[in-house]
Amino acid sequence: MGELTIGIDIGGTSVRASVVDDRGTMLDTLRAQTPSTVEALEHCLDRLVGELTSRWDAKAVGLAIAGFLTTDRSIVRFAPHLPWREAPVAEDMTRRVGIPVFAEHDANAAAVAEVRFGAAARGHNTVVLAIGTGIGAGFVIDGEIYRGSYGVAPELGHLTIVPDGRACACGKRGCWERYCSGTALVDTVVELLADGAPLNGDWGRSQLAADVAADPGSLTGRRVAGAAADGDAVALAAFARFATSLGQGLAMIADIFDPDLIVLAGGVGAASGLFLDEAREHYARQVTGAGHRQLARIRGTQLGETAGVVGAAEVARQGLRAAASQTAPPSAAR
């Protein structure tokens, strides 16, 4: 199995922790809902690590965090969906759990996993979009993560695509992730049902509409995806709008980065069969110089929702190797 590490993907909705070997295989997995306070979140993480290390000889922990980290990943500066602010998360957790902890932006962790084990293995300039509760993004240039000058690049999910649009947890309005994410799907369904006029089929035959009317709290992005897979008219209309927004954002990415490969990861990205073809068409029409330039290949994830966890575990493994190389005698390092 090689060296074992623990990867933890800390999203705005849920936390997933797994023991992962050096081939990217998840051996043992635990889940929890994401707590809303720092104390509760740290207790949750410590408990998950404690349970896994009681069963496996894991050497380090990697955290995939949906937030802004400093360039050296020592401080979580801000996380729109998490309670940390200017927090030395990895250092504090290392003291608590007794093994090294390494932090990484969640989309960068997904990018590491897709490059090492998945769909981005043959990319040159690759953008990995982690589409889940929000949108995270990682940009990989010749195998190296691009972080920008201050460690927060590229925050593509918070590009404005609808001026004065839906409010975002980041404090802005009209961000891309408010129209192209799991939570965005929920908002779109609510808007479609409020409008009442069917855009794609008969609302009266929609099981999703009936379920929402009976229990509004049952509506989730995963529920919308399941209904769309079953052919539900309201869910399909929501995904049509999702595909339009995705295509718009992909065109902006191409204009900014000109990548040769874009990989759609994350919980919603794993359902790419519901929207990818239509999004590709919007992208091809909206990109600058349409018809006169090469377009990026757009692929769905090979790792699905596990990319963040597997990538976080790989980040921990790389962190251990880097630490070992720094402390080894010169002859051993050579």
C-alpha atoms as a PDB file:
ATOM      1  CA  MET A   1       0.000   0.000   0.000  1.00  0.00           C
ATOM      2  CA  GLY A   2       2.987   2.302   0.335  1.00  0.00           C
ATOM      3  CA  GLU A   3       2.975   5.221   2.728  1.00  0.00           C
ATOM      4  CA  LEU A   4      -0.466   5.979   4.151  1.00  0.00           C
ATOM      5  CA  THR A   5      -1.764   9.496   4.719  1.00  0.00           C
ATOM      6  CA  ILE A   6      -5.134  10.970   5.615  1.00  0.00           C
ATOM      7  CA  GLY A   7      -6.912  13.356   3.282  1.00  0.00           C
ATOM      8  CA  ILE A   8      -9.728  15.555   4.584  1.00  0.00           C
ATOM      9  CA  ASP A   9     -11.925  17.579   2.245  1.00  0.00           C
ATOM     10  CA  ILE A  10     -13.571  20.371   4.252  1.00  0.00           C
ATOM     11  CA  GLY A  11     -16.449  21.786   2.250  1.00  0.00           C
ATOM     12  CA  GLY A  12     -19.133  24.248   3.161  1.00  0.00           C
ATOM     13  CA  THR A  13     -21.660  21.448   3.618  1.00  0.00           C
ATOM     14  CA  SER A  14     -19.761  18.320   4.630  1.00  0.00           C
ATOM     15  CA  VAL A  15     -16.393  16.962   5.746  1.00  0.00           C
ATOM     16  CA  ARG A  16     -14.960  13.772   4.277  1.00  0.00           C
ATOM     17  CA  ALA A  17     -11.846  12.081   5.682  1.00  0.00           C
ATOM     18  CA  SER A  18     -10.067   9.061   4.193  1.00  0.00           C
ATOM     19  CA  VAL A  19      -6.938   7.007   4.592  1.00  0.00           C
ATOM     20  CA  VAL A  20      -5.296   6.975   1.151  1.00  0.00           C
ATOM     21  CA  ASP A  21      -2.343   4.967  -0.163  1.00  0.00           C
ATOM     22  CA  ASP A  22       0.318   6.177  -2.595  1.00  0.00           C
ATOM     23  CA  ARG A  23      -1.697   4.958  -5.598  1.00  0.00           C
ATOM     24  CA  GLY A  24      -4.622   7.185  -4.717  1.00  0.00           C
ATOM     25  CA  THR A  25      -6.764   4.357  -3.341  1.00  0.00           C
ATOM     26  CA  MET A  26      -9.098   5.283  -0.485  1.00  0.00           C
ATOM     27  CA  LEU A  27      -8.962   2.569   2.171  1.00  0.00           C
ATOM     28  CA  ASP A  28     -11.243   3.870   4.912  1.00  0.00           C
ATOM     29  CA  THR A  29     -13.644   6.822   4.867  1.00  0.00           C
ATOM     30  CA  LEU A  30     -15.582   8.830   7.442  1.00  0.00           C
ATOM     31  CA  ARG A  31     -18.049  11.684   6.911  1.00  0.00           C
ATOM     32  CA  ALA A  32     -19.571  14.474   8.981  1.00  0.00           C
ATOM     33  CA  GLN A  33     -21.617  17.608   8.526  1.00  0.00           C
ATOM     34  CA  THR A  34     -19.510  20.777   8.500  1.00  0.00           C
ATOM     35  CA  PRO A  35     -19.868  22.560  11.885  1.00  0.00           C
ATOM     36  CA  SER A  36     -20.424  26.313  11.899  1.00  0.00           C
ATOM     37  CA  THR A  37     -18.023  27.362  14.690  1.00  0.00           C
ATOM     38  CA  VAL A  38     -14.237  27.112  14.926  1.00  0.00           C
ATOM     39  CA  GLU A  39     -14.324  25.043  18.102  1.00  0.00           C
ATOM     40  CA  ALA A  40     -16.842  22.562  16.731  1.00  0.00           C
ATOM     41  CA  LEU A  41     -15.047  22.255  13.389  1.00  0.00           C
ATOM     42  CA  GLU A  42     -11.681  21.597  15.027  1.00  0.00           C
ATOM     43  CA  HIS A  43     -13.261  19.027  17.349  1.00  0.00           C
ATOM     44  CA  CYS A  44     -14.828  17.333  14.313  1.00  0.00           C
ATOM     45  CA  LEU A  45     -11.496  17.156  12.463  1.00  0.00           C
ATOM     46  CA  ASP A  46      -9.637  15.833  15.509  1.00  0.00           C
ATOM     47  CA  ARG A  47     -12.280  13.160  16.051  1.00  0.00           C
ATOM     48  CA  LEU A  48     -12.102  11.971  12.430  1.00  0.00           C
ATOM     49  CA  VAL A  49      -8.302  11.788  12.516  1.00  0.00           C
ATOM     50  CA  GLY A  50      -8.392   9.990  15.859  1.00  0.00           C
ATOM     51  CA  GLU A  51     -10.779   7.345  14.555  1.00  0.00           C
ATOM     52  CA  LEU A  52      -8.736   6.731  11.410  1.00  0.00           C
ATOM     53  CA  THR A  53      -5.340   6.634  13.129  1.00  0.00           C
ATOM     54  CA  SER A  54      -6.721   4.139  15.643  1.00  0.00           C
ATOM     55  CA  ARG A  55      -7.159   1.725  12.701  1.00  0.00           C
ATOM     56  CA  TRP A  56      -4.353   2.724  10.319  1.00  0.00           C
ATOM     57  CA  ASP A  57      -0.702   3.776  10.616  1.00  0.00           C
ATOM     58  CA  ALA A  58      -1.155   7.081   8.782  1.00  0.00           C
ATOM     59  CA  LYS A  59       1.884   9.357   8.858  1.00  0.00           C
ATOM     60  CA  ALA A  60       0.358  12.757   8.076  1.00  0.00           C
ATOM     61  CA  VAL A  61      -2.861  14.635   7.365  1.00  0.00           C
ATOM     62  CA  GLY A  62      -3.707  16.844   4.388  1.00  0.00           C
ATOM     63  CA  LEU A  63      -6.552  19.363   4.575  1.00  0.00           C
ATOM     64  CA  ALA A  64      -8.388  20.523   1.454  1.00  0.00           C
ATOM     65  CA  ILE A  65      -9.927  23.824   2.583  1.00  0.00           C
ATOM     66  CA  ALA A  66     -12.500  25.906   0.734  1.00  0.00           C
ATOM     67  CA  GLY A  67     -10.873  29.252   1.505  1.00  0.00           C
ATOM     68  CA  PHE A  68      -8.015  31.700   0.941  1.00  0.00           C
ATOM     69  CA  LEU A  69      -4.613  30.517   2.169  1.00  0.00           C
ATOM     70  CA  THR A  70      -1.297  32.345   2.301  1.00  0.00           C
ATOM     71  CA  THR A  71       1.326  31.387  -0.291  1.00  0.00           C
ATOM     72  CA  ASP A  72       3.033  29.014   2.174  1.00  0.00           C
ATOM     73  CA  ARG A  73      -0.389  27.606   3.216  1.00  0.00           C
ATOM     74  CA  SER A  74       0.360  28.292   6.880  1.00  0.00           C
ATOM     75  CA  ILE A  75      -2.612  30.611   7.439  1.00  0.00           C
ATOM     76  CA  VAL A  76      -6.253  30.320   6.379  1.00  0.00           C
ATOM     77  CA  ARG A  77      -7.041  33.961   5.809  1.00  0.00           C
ATOM     78  CA  PHE A  78     -10.719  33.768   4.886  1.00  0.00           C
ATOM     79  CA  ALA A  79     -13.201  31.050   3.988  1.00  0.00           C
ATOM     80  CA  PRO A  80     -16.633  32.131   2.723  1.00  0.00           C
ATOM     81  CA  HIS A  81     -18.342  28.935   3.909  1.00  0.00           C
ATOM     82  CA  LEU A  82     -16.134  28.123   6.931  1.00  0.00           C
ATOM     83  CA  PRO A  83     -15.524  29.926  10.276  1.00  0.00           C
ATOM     84  CA  TRP A  84     -11.709  30.336  10.090  1.00  0.00           C
ATOM     85  CA  ARG A  85     -10.261  33.856   9.823  1.00  0.00           C
ATOM     86  CA  GLU A  86      -6.470  34.468   9.865  1.00  0.00           C
ATOM     87  CA  ALA A  87      -6.013  31.052  11.481  1.00  0.00           C
ATOM     88  CA  PRO A  88      -2.854  28.861  11.554  1.00  0.00           C
ATOM     89  CA  VAL A  89      -5.013  25.801  10.974  1.00  0.00           C
ATOM     90  CA  ALA A  90      -2.341  23.232  10.061  1.00  0.00           C
ATOM     91  CA  GLU A  91       0.058  24.236  12.829  1.00  0.00           C
ATOM     92  CA  ASP A  92      -2.655  24.174  15.481  1.00  0.00           C
ATOM     93  CA  MET A  93      -4.000  20.830  14.328  1.00  0.00           C
ATOM     94  CA  THR A  94      -0.497  19.304  14.207  1.00  0.00           C
ATOM     95  CA  ARG A  95      -0.174  20.041  17.919  1.00  0.00           C
ATOM     96  CA  ARG A  96      -3.574  18.551  18.664  1.00  0.00           C
ATOM     97  CA  VAL A  97      -3.375  15.289  16.670  1.00  0.00           C
ATOM     98  CA  GLY A  98       0.345  14.538  17.056  1.00  0.00           C
ATOM     99  CA  ILE A  99       1.226  13.958  13.381  1.00  0.00           C
ATOM    100  CA  PRO A 100       2.115  16.517  10.683  1.00  0.00           C
ATOM    101  CA  VAL A 101      -0.777  18.375   9.097  1.00  0.00           C
ATOM    102  CA  PHE A 102      -0.545  20.198   5.756  1.00  0.00           C
ATOM    103  CA  ALA A 103      -3.179  22.566   4.353  1.00  0.00           C
ATOM    104  CA  GLU A 104      -4.116  23.310   0.762  1.00  0.00           C
ATOM    105  CA  HIS A 105      -6.885  25.121  -1.082  1.00  0.00           C
ATOM    106  CA  ASP A 106      -9.567  22.556  -1.904  1.00  0.00           C
ATOM    107  CA  ALA A 107      -9.493  23.168  -5.651  1.00  0.00           C
ATOM    108  CA  ASN A 108      -5.698  22.941  -5.689  1.00  0.00           C
ATOM    109  CA  ALA A 109      -5.970  19.637  -3.840  1.00  0.00           C
ATOM    110  CA  ALA A 110      -8.434  18.399  -6.462  1.00  0.00           C
ATOM    111  CA  ALA A 111      -6.032  19.571  -9.165  1.00  0.00           C
ATOM    112  CA  VAL A 112      -3.151  17.685  -7.533  1.00  0.00           C
ATOM    113  CA  ALA A 113      -5.272  14.519  -7.528  1.00  0.00           C
ATOM    114  CA  GLU A 114      -6.453  14.878 -11.121  1.00  0.00           C
ATOM    115  CA  VAL A 115      -2.884  15.523 -12.327  1.00  0.00           C
ATOM    116  CA  ARG A 116      -1.409  12.657 -10.308  1.00  0.00           C
ATOM    117  CA  PHE A 117      -4.131  10.050 -10.707  1.00  0.00           C
ATOM    118  CA  GLY A 118      -6.944  11.291 -12.952  1.00  0.00           C
ATOM    119  CA  ALA A 119      -8.244  13.311 -15.874  1.00  0.00           C
ATOM    120  CA  ALA A 120      -5.527  15.995 -15.946  1.00  0.00           C
ATOM    121  CA  ALA A 121      -2.547  13.653 -16.250  1.00  0.00           C
ATOM    122  CA  ARG A 122      -1.774  14.767 -19.818  1.00  0.00           C
ATOM    123  CA  GLY A 123      -2.627  18.444 -19.566  1.00  0.00           C
ATOM    124  CA  HIS A 124      -0.057  21.180 -20.235  1.00  0.00           C
ATOM    125  CA  ASN A 125      -1.918  24.242 -18.927  1.00  0.00           C
ATOM    126  CA  THR A 126      -4.868  22.830 -17.007  1.00  0.00           C
ATOM    127  CA  VAL A 127      -7.726  24.455 -15.112  1.00  0.00           C
ATOM    128  CA  VAL A 128      -9.517  22.207 -12.602  1.00  0.00           C
ATOM    129  CA  LEU A 129     -12.921  23.458 -11.476  1.00  0.00           C
ATOM    130  CA  ALA A 130     -14.234  21.955  -8.241  1.00  0.00           C
ATOM    131  CA  ILE A 131     -17.979  22.525  -8.510  1.00  0.00           C
ATOM    132  CA  GLY A 132     -19.815  21.708  -5.304  1.00  0.00           C
ATOM    133  CA  THR A 133     -21.326  24.022  -2.684  1.00  0.00           C
ATOM    134  CA  GLY A 134     -19.468  26.766  -4.575  1.00  0.00           C
ATOM    135  CA  ILE A 135     -16.770  26.834  -7.246  1.00  0.00           C
ATOM    136  CA  GLY A 136     -13.118  26.386  -6.458  1.00  0.00           C
ATOM    137  CA  ALA A 137     -10.448  26.539  -9.138  1.00  0.00           C
ATOM    138  CA  GLY A 138      -6.904  25.341  -9.551  1.00  0.00           C
ATOM    139  CA  PHE A 139      -4.545  26.250 -12.398  1.00  0.00           C
ATOM    140  CA  VAL A 140      -1.695  23.850 -13.157  1.00  0.00           C
ATOM    141  CA  ILE A 141       1.164  24.925 -15.438  1.00  0.00           C
ATOM    142  CA  ASP A 142       3.455  22.064 -16.468  1.00  0.00           C
ATOM    143  CA  GLY A 143       2.600  20.171 -13.293  1.00  0.00           C
ATOM    144  CA  GLU A 144       3.011  23.120 -10.921  1.00  0.00           C
ATOM    145  CA  ILE A 145       0.146  24.810  -9.061  1.00  0.00           C
ATOM    146  CA  TYR A 146      -0.183  28.503  -9.902  1.00  0.00           C
ATOM    147  CA  ARG A 147      -0.994  30.499  -6.761  1.00  0.00           C
ATOM    148  CA  GLY A 148      -0.548  34.131  -7.760  1.00  0.00           C
ATOM    149  CA  SER A 149       1.463  36.678  -5.766  1.00  0.00           C
ATOM    150  CA  TYR A 150      -0.441  36.289  -2.489  1.00  0.00           C
ATOM    151  CA  GLY A 151      -1.677  32.696  -2.628  1.00  0.00           C
ATOM    152  CA  VAL A 152      -5.334  33.212  -3.552  1.00  0.00           C
ATOM    153  CA  ALA A 153      -5.316  32.703  -7.337  1.00  0.00           C
ATOM    154  CA  PRO A 154      -7.421  31.791  -9.182  1.00  0.00           C
ATOM    155  CA  GLU A 155     -10.728  32.590  -7.450  1.00  0.00           C
ATOM    156  CA  LEU A 156     -12.791  32.014 -10.566  1.00  0.00           C
ATOM    157  CA  GLY A 157     -15.973  31.222  -8.650  1.00  0.00           C
ATOM    158  CA  HIS A 158     -16.174  34.847  -7.557  1.00  0.00           C
ATOM    159  CA  LEU A 159     -15.927  36.436 -10.972  1.00  0.00           C
ATOM    160  CA  THR A 160     -19.087  38.500 -11.524  1.00  0.00           C
ATOM    161  CA  ILE A 161     -21.236  37.160 -14.343  1.00  0.00           C
ATOM    162  CA  VAL A 162     -24.550  38.851 -13.391  1.00  0.00           C
ATOM    163  CA  PRO A 163     -24.200  42.500 -12.291  1.00  0.00           C
ATOM    164  CA  ASP A 164     -26.197  43.083  -9.080  1.00  0.00           C
ATOM    165  CA  GLY A 165     -27.240  39.425  -9.168  1.00  0.00           C
ATOM    166  CA  ARG A 166     -27.662  36.901  -6.375  1.00  0.00           C
ATOM    167  CA  ALA A 167     -25.913  37.695  -3.094  1.00  0.00           C
ATOM    168  CA  CYS A 168     -22.775  35.642  -2.418  1.00  0.00           C
ATOM    169  CA  ALA A 169     -21.207  34.603   0.886  1.00  0.00           C
ATOM    170  CA  CYS A 170     -18.015  36.393  -0.189  1.00  0.00           C
ATOM    171  CA  GLY A 171     -19.827  39.733   0.122  1.00  0.00           C
ATOM    172  CA  LYS A 172     -20.277  40.409  -3.598  1.00  0.00           C
ATOM    173  CA  ARG A 173     -23.299  39.923  -5.836  1.00  0.00           C
ATOM    174  CA  GLY A 174     -23.664  37.997  -9.072  1.00  0.00           C
ATOM    175  CA  CYS A 175     -20.666  35.684  -8.588  1.00  0.00           C
ATOM    176  CA  TRP A 176     -20.309  32.778 -10.995  1.00  0.00           C
ATOM    177  CA  GLU A 177     -20.730  30.203  -8.225  1.00  0.00           C
ATOM    178  CA  ARG A 178     -24.136  31.665  -7.384  1.00  0.00           C
ATOM    179  CA  TYR A 179     -25.341  30.438 -10.798  1.00  0.00           C
ATOM    180  CA  CYS A 180     -23.159  27.379 -11.316  1.00  0.00           C
ATOM    181  CA  SER A 181     -22.926  25.192  -8.178  1.00  0.00           C
ATOM    182  CA  GLY A 182     -24.967  22.826  -6.045  1.00  0.00           C
ATOM    183  CA  THR A 183     -26.473  25.682  -4.042  1.00  0.00           C
ATOM    184  CA  ALA A 184     -27.101  27.600  -7.272  1.00  0.00           C
ATOM    185  CA  LEU A 185     -29.177  24.703  -8.592  1.00  0.00           C
ATOM    186  CA  VAL A 186     -31.384  24.961  -5.514  1.00  0.00           C
ATOM    187  CA  ASP A 187     -31.869  28.714  -5.998  1.00  0.00           C
ATOM    188  CA  THR A 188     -32.647  28.222  -9.682  1.00  0.00           C
ATOM    189  CA  VAL A 189     -35.313  25.618  -8.932  1.00  0.00           C
ATOM    190  CA  VAL A 190     -36.893  27.958  -6.365  1.00  0.00           C
ATOM    191  CA  GLU A 191     -36.935  30.777  -8.938  1.00  0.00           C
ATOM    192  CA  LEU A 192     -38.402  28.547 -11.648  1.00  0.00           C
ATOM    193  CA  LEU A 193     -41.202  27.371  -9.369  1.00  0.00           C
ATOM    194  CA  ALA A 194     -41.879  30.942  -8.209  1.00  0.00           C
ATOM    195  CA  ASP A 195     -42.130  32.110 -11.828  1.00  0.00           C
ATOM    196  CA  GLY A 196     -44.673  29.397 -12.532  1.00  0.00           C
ATOM    197  CA  ALA A 197     -44.314  29.464 -16.326  1.00  0.00           C
ATOM    198  CA  PRO A 198     -42.783  26.228 -17.646  1.00  0.00           C
ATOM    199  CA  LEU A 199     -39.682  26.691 -19.780  1.00  0.00           C
ATOM    200  CA  ASN A 200     -39.139  23.030 -20.482  1.00  0.00           C
ATOM    201  CA  GLY A 201     -42.088  20.696 -20.034  1.00  0.00           C
ATOM    202  CA  ASP A 202     -45.067  20.626 -17.728  1.00  0.00           C
ATOM    203  CA  TRP A 203     -44.425  21.728 -14.164  1.00  0.00           C
ATOM    204  CA  GLY A 204     -47.586  19.916 -13.101  1.00  0.00           C
ATOM    205  CA  ARG A 205     -45.969  16.546 -13.808  1.00  0.00           C
ATOM    206  CA  SER A 206     -42.761  17.400 -11.947  1.00  0.00           C
ATOM    207  CA  GLN A 207     -42.114  15.134  -8.979  1.00  0.00           C
ATOM    208  CA  LEU A 208     -39.439  17.574  -7.847  1.00  0.00           C
ATOM    209  CA  ALA A 209     -41.994  20.406  -7.734  1.00  0.00           C
ATOM    210  CA  ALA A 210     -44.357  18.215  -5.732  1.00  0.00           C
ATOM    211  CA  ASP A 211     -41.607  17.224  -3.302  1.00  0.00           C
ATOM    212  CA  VAL A 212     -40.559  20.844  -2.791  1.00  0.00           C
ATOM    213  CA  ALA A 213     -44.157  21.904  -2.185  1.00  0.00           C
ATOM    214  CA  ALA A 214     -44.503  19.189   0.450  1.00  0.00           C
ATOM    215  CA  ASP A 215     -41.117  19.778   2.098  1.00  0.00           C
ATOM    216  CA  PRO A 216     -39.136  22.838   0.969  1.00  0.00           C
ATOM    217  CA  GLY A 217     -36.203  21.795   3.133  1.00  0.00           C
ATOM    218  CA  SER A 218     -35.715  18.609   1.100  1.00  0.00           C
ATOM    219  CA  LEU A 219     -34.340  20.534  -1.863  1.00  0.00           C
ATOM    220  CA  THR A 220     -30.587  20.032  -2.395  1.00  0.00           C
ATOM    221  CA  GLY A 221     -28.274  20.156  -5.391  1.00  0.00           C
ATOM    222  CA  ARG A 222     -27.916  16.379  -5.217  1.00  0.00           C
ATOM    223  CA  ARG A 223     -31.711  16.028  -5.235  1.00  0.00           C
ATOM    224  CA  VAL A 224     -31.952  18.261  -8.329  1.00  0.00           C
ATOM    225  CA  ALA A 225     -29.279  16.196 -10.094  1.00  0.00           C
ATOM    226  CA  GLY A 226     -31.125  12.975  -9.298  1.00  0.00           C
ATOM    227  CA  ALA A 227     -34.398  14.406 -10.572  1.00  0.00           C
ATOM    228  CA  ALA A 228     -32.716  15.614 -13.776  1.00  0.00           C
ATOM    229  CA  ALA A 229     -31.311  12.132 -14.350  1.00  0.00           C
ATOM    230  CA  ASP A 230     -34.899  10.849 -14.055  1.00  0.00           C
ATOM    231  CA  GLY A 231     -36.098  13.359 -16.678  1.00  0.00           C
ATOM    232  CA  ASP A 232     -37.909  15.751 -14.331  1.00  0.00           C
ATOM    233  CA  ALA A 233     -38.919  18.884 -16.269  1.00  0.00           C
ATOM    234  CA  VAL A 234     -38.107  21.417 -13.547  1.00  0.00           C
ATOM    235  CA  ALA A 235     -34.737  19.832 -12.799  1.00  0.00           C
ATOM    236  CA  LEU A 236     -33.857  19.745 -16.507  1.00  0.00           C
ATOM    237  CA  ALA A 237     -34.772  23.421 -16.842  1.00  0.00           C
ATOM    238  CA  ALA A 238     -32.517  24.222 -13.876  1.00  0.00           C
ATOM    239  CA  PHE A 239     -29.646  22.339 -15.485  1.00  0.00           C
ATOM    240  CA  ALA A 240     -30.232  24.146 -18.781  1.00  0.00           C
ATOM    241  CA  ARG A 241     -29.651  27.447 -16.974  1.00  0.00           C
ATOM    242  CA  PHE A 242     -26.694  25.884 -15.173  1.00  0.00           C
ATOM    243  CA  ALA A 243     -25.161  24.872 -18.517  1.00  0.00           C
ATOM    244  CA  THR A 244     -25.582  28.402 -19.878  1.00  0.00           C
ATOM    245  CA  SER A 245     -23.794  29.875 -16.861  1.00  0.00           C
ATOM    246  CA  LEU A 246     -21.086  27.239 -17.024  1.00  0.00           C
ATOM    247  CA  GLY A 247     -20.459  27.954 -20.700  1.00  0.00           C
ATOM    248  CA  GLN A 248     -20.254  31.679 -19.968  1.00  0.00           C
ATOM    249  CA  GLY A 249     -17.670  31.073 -17.245  1.00  0.00           C
ATOM    250  CA  LEU A 250     -15.665  28.638 -19.374  1.00  0.00           C
ATOM    251  CA  ALA A 251     -15.409  31.274 -22.087  1.00  0.00           C
ATOM    252  CA  MET A 252     -14.030  33.757 -19.542  1.00  0.00           C
ATOM    253  CA  ILE A 253     -11.493  31.170 -18.346  1.00  0.00           C
ATOM    254  CA  ALA A 254     -10.344  30.580 -21.911  1.00  0.00           C
ATOM    255  CA  ASP A 255      -9.975  34.321 -22.489  1.00  0.00           C
ATOM    256  CA  ILE A 256      -7.877  34.723 -19.312  1.00  0.00           C
ATOM    257  CA  PHE A 257      -5.738  31.571 -19.218  1.00  0.00           C
ATOM    258  CA  ASP A 258      -6.020  29.947 -22.675  1.00  0.00           C
ATOM    259  CA  PRO A 259      -5.694  26.437 -21.189  1.00  0.00           C
ATOM    260  CA  ASP A 260      -5.496  23.287 -23.269  1.00  0.00           C
ATOM    261  CA  LEU A 261      -7.548  21.292 -20.734  1.00  0.00           C
ATOM    262  CA  ILE A 262     -10.383  22.080 -18.304  1.00  0.00           C
ATOM    263  CA  VAL A 263     -11.438  19.375 -15.830  1.00  0.00           C
ATOM    264  CA  LEU A 264     -14.768  19.563 -14.002  1.00  0.00           C
ATOM    265  CA  ALA A 265     -14.421  18.035 -10.533  1.00  0.00           C
ATOM    266  CA  GLY A 266     -16.405  18.276  -7.297  1.00  0.00           C
ATOM    267  CA  GLY A 267     -19.824  16.922  -6.369  1.00  0.00           C
ATOM    268  CA  VAL A 268     -21.700  18.661  -9.192  1.00  0.00           C
ATOM    269  CA  GLY A 269     -18.823  18.177 -11.625  1.00  0.00           C
ATOM    270  CA  ALA A 270     -19.243  14.435 -11.148  1.00  0.00           C
ATOM    271  CA  ALA A 271     -22.720  14.771 -12.755  1.00  0.00           C
ATOM    272  CA  SER A 272     -21.258  16.380 -15.885  1.00  0.00           C
ATOM    273  CA  GLY A 273     -23.267  14.120 -18.192  1.00  0.00           C
ATOM    274  CA  LEU A 274     -26.322  16.250 -17.351  1.00  0.00           C
ATOM    275  CA  PHE A 275     -24.891  19.522 -18.664  1.00  0.00           C
ATOM    276  CA  LEU A 276     -21.447  19.212 -20.246  1.00  0.00           C
ATOM    277  CA  ASP A 277     -22.424  18.950 -23.923  1.00  0.00           C
ATOM    278  CA  GLU A 278     -24.680  22.001 -23.724  1.00  0.00           C
ATOM    279  CA  ALA A 279     -22.066  23.950 -21.747  1.00  0.00           C
ATOM    280  CA  ARG A 280     -19.444  23.149 -24.390  1.00  0.00           C
ATOM    281  CA  GLU A 281     -21.704  24.644 -27.053  1.00  0.00           C
ATOM    282  CA  HIS A 282     -22.197  27.867 -25.058  1.00  0.00           C
ATOM    283  CA  TYR A 283     -18.454  28.061 -24.421  1.00  0.00           C
ATOM    284  CA  ALA A 284     -17.584  27.613 -28.090  1.00  0.00           C
ATOM    285  CA  ARG A 285     -19.999  30.395 -29.106  1.00  0.00           C
ATOM    286  CA  GLN A 286     -19.043  32.915 -26.400  1.00  0.00           C
ATOM    287  CA  VAL A 287     -15.242  32.653 -26.318  1.00  0.00           C
ATOM    288  CA  THR A 288     -13.410  35.592 -27.878  1.00  0.00           C
ATOM    289  CA  GLY A 289     -12.423  34.783 -31.460  1.00  0.00           C
ATOM    290  CA  ALA A 290     -14.974  31.985 -31.693  1.00  0.00           C
ATOM    291  CA  GLY A 291     -14.376  29.923 -34.809  1.00  0.00           C
ATOM    292  CA  HIS A 292     -10.816  31.204 -35.205  1.00  0.00           C
ATOM    293  CA  ARG A 293      -8.948  29.618 -32.296  1.00  0.00           C
ATOM    294  CA  GLN A 294      -8.311  26.271 -30.675  1.00  0.00           C
ATOM    295  CA  LEU A 295     -10.626  25.417 -27.817  1.00  0.00           C
ATOM    296  CA  ALA A 296      -9.660  23.717 -24.596  1.00  0.00           C
ATOM    297  CA  ARG A 297     -10.618  20.104 -24.136  1.00  0.00           C
ATOM    298  CA  ILE A 298     -13.258  19.894 -21.401  1.00  0.00           C
ATOM    299  CA  ARG A 299     -13.412  16.667 -19.450  1.00  0.00           C
ATOM    300  CA  GLY A 300     -15.388  15.411 -16.515  1.00  0.00           C
ATOM    301  CA  THR A 301     -13.471  14.230 -13.479  1.00  0.00           C
ATOM    302  CA  GLN A 302     -12.099  10.690 -13.292  1.00  0.00           C
ATOM    303  CA  LEU A 303     -12.048  10.851  -9.496  1.00  0.00           C
ATOM    304  CA  GLY A 304     -15.516  12.273  -8.908  1.00  0.00           C
ATOM    305  CA  GLU A 305     -16.215  13.655  -5.461  1.00  0.00           C
ATOM    306  CA  THR A 306     -13.098  11.965  -4.100  1.00  0.00           C
ATOM    307  CA  ALA A 307     -10.645  14.328  -5.858  1.00  0.00           C
ATOM    308  CA  GLY A 308     -10.375  16.703  -2.885  1.00  0.00           C
ATOM    309  CA  VAL A 309      -9.740  13.901  -0.390  1.00  0.00           C
ATOM    310  CA  VAL A 310      -7.248  12.052  -2.602  1.00  0.00           C
ATOM    311  CA  GLY A 311      -5.489  15.313  -3.438  1.00  0.00           C
ATOM    312  CA  ALA A 312      -5.285  16.349   0.214  1.00  0.00           C
ATOM    313  CA  ALA A 313      -3.710  13.001   1.081  1.00  0.00           C
ATOM    314  CA  GLU A 314      -1.201  13.462  -1.755  1.00  0.00           C
ATOM    315  CA  VAL A 315      -0.415  16.983  -0.484  1.00  0.00           C
ATOM    316  CA  ALA A 316       0.358  15.442   2.915  1.00  0.00           C
ATOM    317  CA  ARG A 317       2.583  12.826   1.276  1.00  0.00           C
ATOM    318  CA  GLN A 318       4.452  15.498  -0.673  1.00  0.00           C
ATOM    319  CA  GLY A 319       4.801  17.537   2.517  1.00  0.00           C
ATOM    320  CA  LEU A 320       6.409  14.607   4.311  1.00  0.00           C
ATOM    321  CA  ARG A 321       8.849  14.065   1.456  1.00  0.00           C
ATOM    322  CA  ALA A 322       9.761  17.749   1.336  1.00  0.00           C
ATOM    323  CA  ALA A 323      10.351  17.802   5.098  1.00  0.00           C
ATOM    324  CA  ALA A 324      12.485  14.641   4.873  1.00  0.00           C
ATOM    325  CA  SER A 325      14.626  16.089   2.092  1.00  0.00           C
ATOM    326  CA  GLN A 326      15.245  19.256   4.123  1.00  0.00           C
ATOM    327  CA  THR A 327      16.364  17.372   7.235  1.00  0.00           C
ATOM    328  CA  ALA A 328      18.375  14.613   5.513  1.00  0.00           C
ATOM    329  CA  PRO A 329      22.219  14.794   5.558  1.00  0.00           C
ATOM    330  CA  PRO A 330      23.712  16.070   2.262  1.00  0.00           C
ATOM    331  CA  SER A 331      24.854  12.582   1.221  1.00  0.00           C
ATOM    332  CA  ALA A 332      21.388  11.130   1.892  1.00  0.00           C
ATOM    333  CA  ALA A 333      19.677  14.001   0.052  1.00  0.00           C
ATOM    334  CA  ARG A 334      21.793  13.242  -3.037  1.00  0.00           C
END
